[in-house]
Protein backbone atom coordinates (compact mmCIF):
# COMPACT_ATOMS: atom_id res chain seq x y z
CA MET A 1 0.00 0.00 0.00
CA SER A 2 1.60 3.22 -1.14
CA THR A 3 1.15 6.21 1.13
CA SER A 4 3.16 8.70 -0.94
CA ARG A 5 1.61 12.14 -1.00
CA ARG A 6 0.56 13.82 -4.21
CA PRO A 7 1.03 17.52 -4.89
CA ALA A 8 -1.78 19.66 -3.47
CA THR A 9 -3.04 20.34 -6.99
CA GLU A 10 -3.80 16.62 -7.41
CA ARG A 11 -5.66 16.19 -4.13
CA LYS A 12 -9.31 16.82 -3.22
CA ARG A 13 -10.47 17.88 0.24
CA PHE A 14 -13.81 17.01 1.81
CA SER A 15 -15.36 16.87 5.26
CA ILE A 16 -16.69 13.93 7.22
CA ALA A 17 -18.66 13.64 10.45
CA LEU A 18 -17.84 10.92 12.97
CA ASP A 19 -19.61 9.63 16.03
CA MET A 20 -17.92 11.02 19.13
CA ALA A 21 -16.78 7.53 20.16
CA ASP A 22 -15.09 7.00 16.77
CA TYR A 23 -13.56 10.48 16.86
CA ASP A 24 -12.15 9.90 20.35
CA ALA A 25 -10.79 6.47 19.37
CA LEU A 26 -9.14 7.92 16.26
CA GLN A 27 -7.61 10.72 18.31
CA LYS A 28 -6.24 8.25 20.89
CA LEU A 29 -4.87 5.98 18.16
CA GLY A 30 -2.95 8.84 16.57
CA ALA A 31 -1.68 10.18 19.88
CA ALA A 32 -0.41 6.74 20.91
CA GLN A 33 1.97 6.51 17.93
CA ARG A 34 5.54 7.71 18.02
CA PRO A 35 5.75 10.19 16.50
CA PRO A 36 2.06 11.04 16.94
CA LEU A 37 -0.03 10.81 13.77
CA LYS A 38 -2.67 13.29 12.67
CA GLN A 39 -6.27 12.14 12.30
CA GLN A 40 -6.27 13.21 8.66
CA TYR A 41 -3.37 10.84 7.96
CA LEU A 42 -5.10 7.92 9.70
CA VAL A 43 -8.31 8.49 7.73
CA GLU A 44 -6.32 8.73 4.49
CA LEU A 45 -4.67 5.37 5.28
CA ALA A 46 -8.05 3.78 6.04
CA VAL A 47 -9.56 5.05 2.77
CA LYS A 48 -6.53 3.85 0.80
CA LYS A 49 -6.80 0.38 2.38
CA LEU A 50 -10.54 0.22 1.58
CA LEU A 51 -9.92 1.19 -2.05
CA ASP A 52 -7.02 -1.27 -2.39
CA GLN A 53 -9.17 -4.11 -1.05
CA HIS A 54 -11.95 -3.18 -3.46
CA ALA A 55 -9.51 -3.05 -6.39
CA ASN A 56 -8.18 -6.51 -5.48
CA ARG A 57 -11.71 -7.91 -5.12
CA GLN A 58 -11.13 -8.59 -1.42
CA LEU A 59 -14.07 -6.46 -0.36
CA SER A 60 -17.75 -7.12 -0.66
CA PHE A 61 -20.70 -4.83 -0.11
CA PRO A 62 -22.71 -4.07 1.86
CA LEU A 63 -20.21 -3.62 4.65
CA LYS A 64 -21.54 -4.26 8.12
CA PRO A 65 -21.21 -1.23 10.43
């Protein structure tokens, strides 16, 4: 899984809303890493993993929450 960053001109920003429990867990996960990781980076990794699994036909829908 490649996590190389693209130039800002090739990236798209958007907003998401999380349940407070998920937000707190994400914040704790990032803070527990050395060096600490930003929430945006963790979400980007999760999205990349989801898309990679879909591309490799390792993912089926609907996903269970």
